[in-house]
All heavy atoms as atom14 arrays in JSON, in Angstrom:
{
  "sequence": "PDLLIVHGQYQHKPTPPFVPGAEFAGVVRAVGEGVSTLQPGQPVACLS",
  "atom14_mask": [
    [1, 1, 1, 1, 1, 1, 1, 0, 0, 0, 0, 0, 0, 0],
    [1, 1, 1, 1, 1, 1, 1, 1, 0, 0, 0, 0, 0, 0],
    [1, 1, 1, 1, 1, 1, 1, 1, 0, 0, 0, 0, 0, 0],
    [1, 1, 1, 1, 1, 1, 1, 1, 0, 0, 0, 0, 0, 0],
    [1, 1, 1, 1, 1, 1, 1, 1, 0, 0, 0, 0, 0, 0],
    [1, 1, 1, 1, 1, 1, 1, 0, 0, 0, 0, 0, 0, 0],
    [1, 1, 1, 1, 1, 1, 1, 1, 1, 1, 0, 0, 0, 0],
    [1, 1, 1, 1, 0, 0, 0, 0, 0, 0, 0, 0, 0, 0],
    [1, 1, 1, 1, 1, 1, 1, 1, 1, 0, 0, 0, 0, 0],
    [1, 1, 1, 1, 1, 1, 1, 1, 1, 1, 1, 1, 0, 0],
    [1, 1, 1, 1, 1, 1, 1, 1, 1, 0, 0, 0, 0, 0],
    [1, 1, 1, 1, 1, 1, 1, 1, 1, 1, 0, 0, 0, 0],
    [1, 1, 1, 1, 1, 1, 1, 1, 1, 0, 0, 0, 0, 0],
    [1, 1, 1, 1, 1, 1, 1, 0, 0, 0, 0, 0, 0, 0],
    [1, 1, 1, 1, 1, 1, 1, 0, 0, 0, 0, 0, 0, 0],
    [1, 1, 1, 1, 1, 1, 1, 0, 0, 0, 0, 0, 0, 0],
    [1, 1, 1, 1, 1, 1, 1, 0, 0, 0, 0, 0, 0, 0],
    [1, 1, 1, 1, 1, 1, 1, 1, 1, 1, 1, 0, 0, 0],
    [1, 1, 1, 1, 1, 1, 1, 0, 0, 0, 0, 0, 0, 0],
    [1, 1, 1, 1, 1, 1, 1, 0, 0, 0, 0, 0, 0, 0],
    [1, 1, 1, 1, 0, 0, 0, 0, 0, 0, 0, 0, 0, 0],
    [1, 1, 1, 1, 1, 0, 0, 0, 0, 0, 0, 0, 0, 0],
    [1, 1, 1, 1, 1, 1, 1, 1, 1, 0, 0, 0, 0, 0],
    [1, 1, 1, 1, 1, 1, 1, 1, 1, 1, 1, 0, 0, 0],
    [1, 1, 1, 1, 1, 0, 0, 0, 0, 0, 0, 0, 0, 0],
    [1, 1, 1, 1, 0, 0, 0, 0, 0, 0, 0, 0, 0, 0],
    [1, 1, 1, 1, 1, 1, 1, 0, 0, 0, 0, 0, 0, 0],
    [1, 1, 1, 1, 1, 1, 1, 0, 0, 0, 0, 0, 0, 0],
    [1, 1, 1, 1, 1, 1, 1, 1, 1, 1, 1, 0, 0, 0],
    [1, 1, 1, 1, 1, 0, 0, 0, 0, 0, 0, 0, 0, 0],
    [1, 1, 1, 1, 1, 1, 1, 0, 0, 0, 0, 0, 0, 0],
    [1, 1, 1, 1, 0, 0, 0, 0, 0, 0, 0, 0, 0, 0],
    [1, 1, 1, 1, 1, 1, 1, 1, 1, 0, 0, 0, 0, 0],
    [1, 1, 1, 1, 0, 0, 0, 0, 0, 0, 0, 0, 0, 0],
    [1, 1, 1, 1, 1, 1, 1, 0, 0, 0, 0, 0, 0, 0],
    [1, 1, 1, 1, 1, 1, 0, 0, 0, 0, 0, 0, 0, 0],
    [1, 1, 1, 1, 1, 1, 1, 0, 0, 0, 0, 0, 0, 0],
    [1, 1, 1, 1, 1, 1, 1, 1, 0, 0, 0, 0, 0, 0],
    [1, 1, 1, 1, 1, 1, 1, 1, 1, 0, 0, 0, 0, 0],
    [1, 1, 1, 1, 1, 1, 1, 0, 0, 0, 0, 0, 0, 0],
    [1, 1, 1, 1, 0, 0, 0, 0, 0, 0, 0, 0, 0, 0],
    [1, 1, 1, 1, 1, 1, 1, 1, 1, 0, 0, 0, 0, 0],
    [1, 1, 1, 1, 1, 1, 1, 0, 0, 0, 0, 0, 0, 0],
    [1, 1, 1, 1, 1, 1, 1, 0, 0, 0, 0, 0, 0, 0],
    [1, 1, 1, 1, 1, 0, 0, 0, 0, 0, 0, 0, 0, 0],
    [1, 1, 1, 1, 1, 1, 0, 0, 0, 0, 0, 0, 0, 0],
    [1, 1, 1, 1, 1, 1, 1, 1, 0, 0, 0, 0, 0, 0],
    [1, 1, 1, 1, 1, 1, 0, 0, 0, 0, 0, 0, 0, 0]
  ],
  "atom14_positions": [
    [[-38.36, -9.56, -27.17], [-37.59, -10.79, -26.94], [-38.17, -11.67, -25.83], [-37.96, -12.9, -25.86], [-36.2, -10.25, -26.56], [-36.1, -8.95, -27.27], [-37.48, -8.37, -27.19], [0.0, 0.0, 0.0], [0.0, 0.0, 0.0], [0.0, 0.0, 0.0], [0.0, 0.0, 0.0], [0.0, 0.0, 0.0], [0.0, 0.0, 0.0], [0.0, 0.0, 0.0]],
    [[-38.88, -11.09, -24.86], [-39.5, -11.92, -23.82], [-40.53, -12.87, -24.42], [-40.69, -14.01, -23.96], [-40.17, -11.04, -22.77], [-39.19, -10.17, -22.0], [-38.11, -10.68, -21.65], [-39.5, -8.99, -21.76], [0.0, 0.0, 0.0], [0.0, 0.0, 0.0], [0.0, 0.0, 0.0], [0.0, 0.0, 0.0], [0.0, 0.0, 0.0], [0.0, 0.0, 0.0]],
    [[-41.25, -12.4, -25.43], [-42.22, -13.24, -26.11], [-41.52, -14.34, -26.9], [-41.93, -15.52, -26.87], [-43.08, -12.38, -27.03], [-44.21, -13.07, -27.79], [-45.23, -13.67, -26.83], [-44.88, -12.08, -28.74], [0.0, 0.0, 0.0], [0.0, 0.0, 0.0], [0.0, 0.0, 0.0], [0.0, 0.0, 0.0], [0.0, 0.0, 0.0], [0.0, 0.0, 0.0]],
    [[-40.46, -13.97, -27.6], [-39.73, -14.96, -28.39], [-39.09, -16.03, -27.5], [-39.09, -17.22, -27.84], [-38.64, -14.27, -29.22], [-39.11, -13.3, -30.29], [-37.9, -12.65, -30.97], [-39.99, -13.99, -31.32], [0.0, 0.0, 0.0], [0.0, 0.0, 0.0], [0.0, 0.0, 0.0], [0.0, 0.0, 0.0], [0.0, 0.0, 0.0], [0.0, 0.0, 0.0]],
    [[-38.57, -15.63, -26.35], [-37.79, -16.55, -25.53], [-38.67, -17.64, -24.91], [-38.22, -18.78, -24.75], [-37.0, -15.76, -24.45], [-35.71, -16.48, -24.09], [-37.82, -15.49, -23.22], [-34.74, -15.62, -23.29], [0.0, 0.0, 0.0], [0.0, 0.0, 0.0], [0.0, 0.0, 0.0], [0.0, 0.0, 0.0], [0.0, 0.0, 0.0], [0.0, 0.0, 0.0]],
    [[-39.94, -17.31, -24.59], [-40.8, -18.35, -24.02], [-41.34, -19.29, -25.1], [-41.9, -20.34, -24.78], [-41.97, -17.75, -23.2], [-41.44, -16.89, -22.07], [-42.94, -16.96, -24.07], [0.0, 0.0, 0.0], [0.0, 0.0, 0.0], [0.0, 0.0, 0.0], [0.0, 0.0, 0.0], [0.0, 0.0, 0.0], [0.0, 0.0, 0.0], [0.0, 0.0, 0.0]],
    [[-41.15, -18.91, -26.38], [-41.48, -19.79, -27.49], [-40.25, -20.53, -28.03], [-40.34, -21.25, -29.02], [-42.12, -19.0, -28.63], [-43.55, -18.6, -28.39], [-43.89, -17.46, -27.68], [-44.73, -19.2, -28.73], [-45.21, -17.37, -27.63], [-45.73, -18.39, -28.23], [0.0, 0.0, 0.0], [0.0, 0.0, 0.0], [0.0, 0.0, 0.0], [0.0, 0.0, 0.0]],
    [[-39.09, -20.3, -27.4], [-37.86, -20.93, -27.87], [-37.39, -20.39, -29.2], [-36.66, -21.07, -29.93], [0.0, 0.0, 0.0], [0.0, 0.0, 0.0], [0.0, 0.0, 0.0], [0.0, 0.0, 0.0], [0.0, 0.0, 0.0], [0.0, 0.0, 0.0], [0.0, 0.0, 0.0], [0.0, 0.0, 0.0], [0.0, 0.0, 0.0], [0.0, 0.0, 0.0]],
    [[-37.75, -19.13, -29.52], [-37.43, -18.58, -30.84], [-36.41, -17.45, -30.8], [-36.11, -16.87, -31.84], [-38.73, -18.06, -31.48], [-39.75, -19.14, -31.75], [-41.08, -18.59, -32.22], [-41.32, -17.38, -32.17], [-41.95, -19.47, -32.69], [0.0, 0.0, 0.0], [0.0, 0.0, 0.0], [0.0, 0.0, 0.0], [0.0, 0.0, 0.0], [0.0, 0.0, 0.0]],
    [[-35.9, -17.13, -29.6], [-34.95, -16.02, -29.51], [-33.54, -16.54, -29.75], [-33.24, -17.72, -29.55], [-35.05, -15.35, -28.14], [-34.34, -14.02, -28.05], [-34.56, -13.02, -28.99], [-33.45, -13.76, -27.02], [-33.9, -11.81, -28.92], [-32.78, -12.54, -26.93], [-33.02, -11.57, -27.89], [-32.37, -10.37, -27.81], [0.0, 0.0, 0.0], [0.0, 0.0, 0.0]],
    [[-32.63, -15.62, -30.16], [-31.25, -16.02, -30.44], [-30.53, -16.52, -29.18], [-29.63, -17.37, -29.25], [-30.49, -14.84, -31.05], [-30.55, -13.57, -30.22], [-30.34, -12.32, -31.07], [-30.36, -12.37, -32.28], [-30.12, -11.2, -30.42], [0.0, 0.0, 0.0], [0.0, 0.0, 0.0], [0.0, 0.0, 0.0], [0.0, 0.0, 0.0], [0.0, 0.0, 0.0]],
    [[-30.94, -15.99, -28.02], [-30.41, -16.48, -26.75], [-31.41, -17.48, -26.18], [-32.56, -17.14, -25.92], [-30.21, -15.32, -25.78], [-29.97, -15.74, -24.36], [-28.92, -16.56, -23.99], [-30.67, -15.48, -23.22], [-28.97, -16.77, -22.68], [-30.03, -16.13, -22.2], [0.0, 0.0, 0.0], [0.0, 0.0, 0.0], [0.0, 0.0, 0.0], [0.0, 0.0, 0.0]],
    [[-30.99, -18.73, -25.98], [-31.89, -19.78, -25.5], [-31.39, -20.3, -24.15], [-30.52, -21.17, -24.09], [-31.98, -20.91, -26.53], [-32.65, -20.5, -27.84], [-32.7, -21.65, -28.82], [-33.55, -21.28, -30.04], [-33.05, -20.1, -30.74], [0.0, 0.0, 0.0], [0.0, 0.0, 0.0], [0.0, 0.0, 0.0], [0.0, 0.0, 0.0], [0.0, 0.0, 0.0]],
    [[-31.95, -19.77, -23.05], [-31.53, -20.24, -21.73], [-31.95, -21.7, -21.51], [-32.94, -22.17, -22.09], [-32.26, -19.31, -20.77], [-33.41, -18.78, -21.55], [-32.98, -18.73, -22.97], [0.0, 0.0, 0.0], [0.0, 0.0, 0.0], [0.0, 0.0, 0.0], [0.0, 0.0, 0.0], [0.0, 0.0, 0.0], [0.0, 0.0, 0.0], [0.0, 0.0, 0.0]],
    [[-31.2, -22.38, -20.68], [-31.5, -23.78, -20.38], [-32.7, -23.86, -19.44], [-32.68, -23.26, -18.36], [-30.29, -24.46, -19.73], [-29.17, -24.35, -20.62], [-30.57, -25.93, -19.45], [0.0, 0.0, 0.0], [0.0, 0.0, 0.0], [0.0, 0.0, 0.0], [0.0, 0.0, 0.0], [0.0, 0.0, 0.0], [0.0, 0.0, 0.0], [0.0, 0.0, 0.0]],
    [[-33.76, -24.58, -19.82], [-34.91, -24.73, -18.91], [-34.52, -25.57, -17.68], [-33.63, -26.43, -17.77], [-35.95, -25.45, -19.77], [-35.48, -25.29, -21.19], [-33.99, -25.22, -21.12], [0.0, 0.0, 0.0], [0.0, 0.0, 0.0], [0.0, 0.0, 0.0], [0.0, 0.0, 0.0], [0.0, 0.0, 0.0], [0.0, 0.0, 0.0], [0.0, 0.0, 0.0]],
    [[-35.22, -25.36, -16.56], [-36.24, -24.34, -16.36], [-35.59, -22.98, -16.09], [-34.52, -22.91, -15.5], [-37.0, -24.85, -15.14], [-35.97, -25.6, -14.36], [-35.06, -26.23, -15.37], [0.0, 0.0, 0.0], [0.0, 0.0, 0.0], [0.0, 0.0, 0.0], [0.0, 0.0, 0.0], [0.0, 0.0, 0.0], [0.0, 0.0, 0.0], [0.0, 0.0, 0.0]],
    [[-36.26, -21.92, -16.49], [-35.75, -20.58, -16.24], [-36.92, -19.64, -15.99], [-38.07, -19.93, -16.32], [-34.9, -20.07, -17.42], [-35.67, -19.91, -18.71], [-36.3, -18.73, -19.04], [-35.76, -20.97, -19.62], [-37.01, -18.58, -20.23], [-36.46, -20.84, -20.81], [-37.09, -19.64, -21.11], [0.0, 0.0, 0.0], [0.0, 0.0, 0.0], [0.0, 0.0, 0.0]],
    [[-36.61, -18.5, -15.4], [-37.59, -17.45, -15.16], [-37.38, -16.39, -16.24], [-36.31, -15.78, -16.3], [-37.42, -16.83, -13.76], [-38.39, -15.67, -13.56], [-37.63, -17.9, -12.68], [0.0, 0.0, 0.0], [0.0, 0.0, 0.0], [0.0, 0.0, 0.0], [0.0, 0.0, 0.0], [0.0, 0.0, 0.0], [0.0, 0.0, 0.0], [0.0, 0.0, 0.0]],
    [[-38.36, -16.14, -17.11], [-38.18, -15.11, -18.14], [-38.27, -13.71, -17.54], [-38.59, -13.54, -16.36], [-39.33, -15.38, -19.12], [-40.37, -16.04, -18.28], [-39.65, -16.82, -17.23], [0.0, 0.0, 0.0], [0.0, 0.0, 0.0], [0.0, 0.0, 0.0], [0.0, 0.0, 0.0], [0.0, 0.0, 0.0], [0.0, 0.0, 0.0], [0.0, 0.0, 0.0]],
    [[-38.01, -12.72, -18.37], [-38.07, -11.32, -17.94], [-36.69, -10.69, -17.98], [-35.9, -10.84, -17.06], [0.0, 0.0, 0.0], [0.0, 0.0, 0.0], [0.0, 0.0, 0.0], [0.0, 0.0, 0.0], [0.0, 0.0, 0.0], [0.0, 0.0, 0.0], [0.0, 0.0, 0.0], [0.0, 0.0, 0.0], [0.0, 0.0, 0.0], [0.0, 0.0, 0.0]],
    [[-36.42, -9.94, -19.05], [-35.08, -9.39, -19.25], [-34.82, -8.12, -18.48], [-33.68, -7.82, -18.13], [-34.84, -9.14, -20.74], [0.0, 0.0, 0.0], [0.0, 0.0, 0.0], [0.0, 0.0, 0.0], [0.0, 0.0, 0.0], [0.0, 0.0, 0.0], [0.0, 0.0, 0.0], [0.0, 0.0, 0.0], [0.0, 0.0, 0.0], [0.0, 0.0, 0.0]],
    [[-35.88, -7.35, -18.19], [-35.68, -5.97, -17.72], [-36.57, -5.7, -16.51], [-37.78, -5.9, -16.57], [-36.04, -5.02, -18.86], [-35.8, -3.55, -18.56], [-36.09, -2.66, -19.76], [-36.92, -3.03, -20.62], [-35.47, -1.58, -19.83], [0.0, 0.0, 0.0], [0.0, 0.0, 0.0], [0.0, 0.0, 0.0], [0.0, 0.0, 0.0], [0.0, 0.0, 0.0]],
    [[-35.97, -5.21, -15.44], [-36.75, -4.93, -14.24], [-36.05, -3.88, -13.39], [-34.89, -3.52, -13.64], [-36.99, -6.2, -13.42], [-35.74, -6.93, -12.99], [-35.17, -6.7, -11.76], [-35.15, -7.87, -13.83], [-34.02, -7.37, -11.35], [-34.01, -8.56, -13.43], [-33.44, -8.3, -12.2], [0.0, 0.0, 0.0], [0.0, 0.0, 0.0], [0.0, 0.0, 0.0]],
    [[-36.76, -3.39, -12.4], [-36.2, -2.41, -11.47], [-36.65, -2.77, -10.06], [-37.71, -3.36, -9.85], [-36.65, -1.0, -11.83], [0.0, 0.0, 0.0], [0.0, 0.0, 0.0], [0.0, 0.0, 0.0], [0.0, 0.0, 0.0], [0.0, 0.0, 0.0], [0.0, 0.0, 0.0], [0.0, 0.0, 0.0], [0.0, 0.0, 0.0], [0.0, 0.0, 0.0]],
    [[-35.83, -2.41, -9.1], [-36.16, -2.71, -7.72], [-35.11, -2.15, -6.79], [-34.38, -1.21, -7.13], [0.0, 0.0, 0.0], [0.0, 0.0, 0.0], [0.0, 0.0, 0.0], [0.0, 0.0, 0.0], [0.0, 0.0, 0.0], [0.0, 0.0, 0.0], [0.0, 0.0, 0.0], [0.0, 0.0, 0.0], [0.0, 0.0, 0.0], [0.0, 0.0, 0.0]],
    [[-35.0, -2.77, -5.62], [-34.1, -2.3, -4.59], [-33.18, -3.45, -4.17], [-33.63, -4.57, -3.96], [-34.88, -1.78, -3.37], [-33.94, -1.36, -2.25], [-35.78, -0.61, -3.78], [0.0, 0.0, 0.0], [0.0, 0.0, 0.0], [0.0, 0.0, 0.0], [0.0, 0.0, 0.0], [0.0, 0.0, 0.0], [0.0, 0.0, 0.0], [0.0, 0.0, 0.0]],
    [[-31.89, -3.16, -4.05], [-30.92, -4.18, -3.64], [-31.21, -4.6, -2.19], [-31.29, -3.75, -1.29], [-29.48, -3.64, -3.76], [-28.48, -4.65, -3.21], [-29.15, -3.29, -5.21], [0.0, 0.0, 0.0], [0.0, 0.0, 0.0], [0.0, 0.0, 0.0], [0.0, 0.0, 0.0], [0.0, 0.0, 0.0], [0.0, 0.0, 0.0], [0.0, 0.0, 0.0]],
    [[-31.37, -5.9, -1.98], [-31.58, -6.42, -0.64], [-30.26, -6.87, -0.01], [-30.02, -6.65, 1.18], [-32.55, -7.61, -0.66], [-32.73, -8.29, 0.7], [-33.67, -9.46, 0.62], [-35.05, -9.01, 0.55], [-35.85, -8.87, 1.6], [-35.39, -9.14, 2.83], [-37.08, -8.47, 1.46], [0.0, 0.0, 0.0], [0.0, 0.0, 0.0], [0.0, 0.0, 0.0]],
    [[-29.39, -7.51, -0.8], [-28.12, -8.01, -0.27], [-27.11, -8.06, -1.4], [-27.47, -8.18, -2.57], [-28.3, -9.39, 0.35], [0.0, 0.0, 0.0], [0.0, 0.0, 0.0], [0.0, 0.0, 0.0], [0.0, 0.0, 0.0], [0.0, 0.0, 0.0], [0.0, 0.0, 0.0], [0.0, 0.0, 0.0], [0.0, 0.0, 0.0], [0.0, 0.0, 0.0]],
    [[-25.83, -7.99, -1.03], [-24.75, -8.07, -2.02], [-23.82, -9.22, -1.66], [-23.64, -9.55, -0.49], [-23.95, -6.75, -2.12], [-24.87, -5.59, -2.48], [-23.21, -6.46, -0.83], [0.0, 0.0, 0.0], [0.0, 0.0, 0.0], [0.0, 0.0, 0.0], [0.0, 0.0, 0.0], [0.0, 0.0, 0.0], [0.0, 0.0, 0.0], [0.0, 0.0, 0.0]],
    [[-23.25, -9.82, -2.68], [-22.31, -10.91, -2.48], [-20.9, -10.4, -2.27], [-20.61, -9.2, -2.4], [0.0, 0.0, 0.0], [0.0, 0.0, 0.0], [0.0, 0.0, 0.0], [0.0, 0.0, 0.0], [0.0, 0.0, 0.0], [0.0, 0.0, 0.0], [0.0, 0.0, 0.0], [0.0, 0.0, 0.0], [0.0, 0.0, 0.0], [0.0, 0.0, 0.0]],
    [[-20.03, -11.33, -2.0], [-18.62, -11.0, -1.76], [-18.02, -10.31, -2.98], [-18.28, -10.68, -4.12], [-17.84, -12.28, -1.45], [-16.39, -12.06, -1.1], [-15.67, -13.36, -0.8], [-16.35, -14.39, -0.66], [-14.43, -13.34, -0.73], [0.0, 0.0, 0.0], [0.0, 0.0, 0.0], [0.0, 0.0, 0.0], [0.0, 0.0, 0.0], [0.0, 0.0, 0.0]],
    [[-17.25, -9.27, -2.74], [-16.55, -8.58, -3.8], [-17.33, -7.49, -4.49], [-16.8, -6.8, -5.37], [0.0, 0.0, 0.0], [0.0, 0.0, 0.0], [0.0, 0.0, 0.0], [0.0, 0.0, 0.0], [0.0, 0.0, 0.0], [0.0, 0.0, 0.0], [0.0, 0.0, 0.0], [0.0, 0.0, 0.0], [0.0, 0.0, 0.0], [0.0, 0.0, 0.0]],
    [[-18.59, -7.29, -4.11], [-19.4, -6.23, -4.73], [-19.2, -4.93, -3.96], [-19.54, -4.83, -2.79], [-20.89, -6.61, -4.75], [-21.71, -5.45, -5.3], [-21.11, -7.86, -5.59], [0.0, 0.0, 0.0], [0.0, 0.0, 0.0], [0.0, 0.0, 0.0], [0.0, 0.0, 0.0], [0.0, 0.0, 0.0], [0.0, 0.0, 0.0], [0.0, 0.0, 0.0]],
    [[-18.65, -3.94, -4.62], [-18.38, -2.65, -3.98], [-19.14, -1.51, -4.63], [-19.19, -0.4, -4.1], [-16.87, -2.34, -4.01], [-16.41, -2.31, -5.36], [0.0, 0.0, 0.0], [0.0, 0.0, 0.0], [0.0, 0.0, 0.0], [0.0, 0.0, 0.0], [0.0, 0.0, 0.0], [0.0, 0.0, 0.0], [0.0, 0.0, 0.0], [0.0, 0.0, 0.0]],
    [[-19.75, -1.75, -5.79], [-20.42, -0.69, -6.54], [-21.87, -0.5, -6.13], [-22.49, 0.5, -6.48], [-20.36, -0.99, -8.04], [-20.92, -2.29, -8.28], [-18.92, -0.97, -8.55], [0.0, 0.0, 0.0], [0.0, 0.0, 0.0], [0.0, 0.0, 0.0], [0.0, 0.0, 0.0], [0.0, 0.0, 0.0], [0.0, 0.0, 0.0], [0.0, 0.0, 0.0]],
    [[-22.43, -1.47, -5.41], [-23.83, -1.42, -4.99], [-23.92, -1.75, -3.52], [-23.05, -2.44, -2.97], [-24.68, -2.4, -5.8], [-24.72, -2.19, -7.33], [-25.37, -3.39, -8.0], [-25.47, -0.91, -7.67], [0.0, 0.0, 0.0], [0.0, 0.0, 0.0], [0.0, 0.0, 0.0], [0.0, 0.0, 0.0], [0.0, 0.0, 0.0], [0.0, 0.0, 0.0]],
    [[-25.02, -1.31, -2.89], [-25.2, -1.6, -1.47], [-26.68, -1.82, -1.17], [-27.55, -1.36, -1.92], [-24.66, -0.46, -0.62], [-25.3, 0.89, -0.9], [-24.6, 2.01, -0.16], [-23.59, 1.81, 0.5], [-25.15, 3.21, -0.25], [0.0, 0.0, 0.0], [0.0, 0.0, 0.0], [0.0, 0.0, 0.0], [0.0, 0.0, 0.0], [0.0, 0.0, 0.0]],
    [[-26.99, -2.54, -0.09], [-28.39, -2.77, 0.26], [-29.16, -1.45, 0.4], [-28.63, -0.46, 0.91], [-28.3, -3.51, 1.59], [-26.98, -4.22, 1.52], [-26.07, -3.27, 0.8], [0.0, 0.0, 0.0], [0.0, 0.0, 0.0], [0.0, 0.0, 0.0], [0.0, 0.0, 0.0], [0.0, 0.0, 0.0], [0.0, 0.0, 0.0], [0.0, 0.0, 0.0]],
    [[-30.4, -1.47, -0.08], [-31.24, -0.28, -0.04], [-31.13, 0.61, -1.26], [-31.88, 1.58, -1.39], [0.0, 0.0, 0.0], [0.0, 0.0, 0.0], [0.0, 0.0, 0.0], [0.0, 0.0, 0.0], [0.0, 0.0, 0.0], [0.0, 0.0, 0.0], [0.0, 0.0, 0.0], [0.0, 0.0, 0.0], [0.0, 0.0, 0.0], [0.0, 0.0, 0.0]],
    [[-30.23, 0.27, -2.19], [-30.02, 1.12, -3.37], [-30.99, 0.74, -4.48], [-31.12, -0.43, -4.85], [-28.58, 0.94, -3.86], [-28.17, 1.88, -4.96], [-26.65, 1.86, -5.17], [-25.96, 0.96, -4.69], [-26.14, 2.84, -5.87], [0.0, 0.0, 0.0], [0.0, 0.0, 0.0], [0.0, 0.0, 0.0], [0.0, 0.0, 0.0], [0.0, 0.0, 0.0]],
    [[-31.7, 1.71, -5.07], [-32.57, 1.4, -6.21], [-31.75, 1.18, -7.48], [-30.77, 1.91, -7.74], [-33.45, 2.65, -6.33], [-32.65, 3.75, -5.72], [-31.8, 3.12, -4.65], [0.0, 0.0, 0.0], [0.0, 0.0, 0.0], [0.0, 0.0, 0.0], [0.0, 0.0, 0.0], [0.0, 0.0, 0.0], [0.0, 0.0, 0.0], [0.0, 0.0, 0.0]],
    [[-32.16, 0.19, -8.26], [-31.41, -0.17, -9.47], [-32.37, -0.56, -10.58], [-33.5, -0.98, -10.33], [-30.44, -1.35, -9.22], [-29.29, -0.95, -8.31], [-31.19, -2.56, -8.65], [0.0, 0.0, 0.0], [0.0, 0.0, 0.0], [0.0, 0.0, 0.0], [0.0, 0.0, 0.0], [0.0, 0.0, 0.0], [0.0, 0.0, 0.0], [0.0, 0.0, 0.0]],
    [[-31.91, -0.41, -11.8], [-32.54, -1.02, -12.97], [-31.63, -2.14, -13.43], [-30.4, -1.99, -13.41], [-32.74, 0.01, -14.08], [0.0, 0.0, 0.0], [0.0, 0.0, 0.0], [0.0, 0.0, 0.0], [0.0, 0.0, 0.0], [0.0, 0.0, 0.0], [0.0, 0.0, 0.0], [0.0, 0.0, 0.0], [0.0, 0.0, 0.0], [0.0, 0.0, 0.0]],
    [[-32.2, -3.26, -13.83], [-31.39, -4.44, -14.16], [-31.77, -4.97, -15.54], [-32.95, -5.0, -15.9], [-31.58, -5.55, -13.13], [-31.2, -5.05, -11.44], [0.0, 0.0, 0.0], [0.0, 0.0, 0.0], [0.0, 0.0, 0.0], [0.0, 0.0, 0.0], [0.0, 0.0, 0.0], [0.0, 0.0, 0.0], [0.0, 0.0, 0.0], [0.0, 0.0, 0.0]],
    [[-30.76, -5.4, -16.26], [-30.93, -6.07, -17.54], [-30.15, -7.37, -17.48], [-28.93, -7.38, -17.67], [-30.43, -5.19, -18.68], [-31.39, -4.09, -19.1], [-30.65, -2.99, -19.83], [-32.48, -4.65, -20.0], [0.0, 0.0, 0.0], [0.0, 0.0, 0.0], [0.0, 0.0, 0.0], [0.0, 0.0, 0.0], [0.0, 0.0, 0.0], [0.0, 0.0, 0.0]],
    [[-30.85, -8.44, -17.18], [-30.17, -9.71, -16.95], [-30.51, -10.76, -17.98], [-30.0, -11.88, -17.9], [-30.53, -10.24, -15.55], [-31.94, -10.34, -15.42], [0.0, 0.0, 0.0], [0.0, 0.0, 0.0], [0.0, 0.0, 0.0], [0.0, 0.0, 0.0], [0.0, 0.0, 0.0], [0.0, 0.0, 0.0], [0.0, 0.0, 0.0], [0.0, 0.0, 0.0]]
  ]
}
């Protein structure tokens, strides 16, 4: 789907400009108000 989305051919069409890349992993740096399930320093996998 990452290939399709940069060609405008995927079923989900984000409004440009956008940063592609559906799936990634890393470490939480900061959390917003109301977030209690995650904390800074926690490793996560994300599907956004």
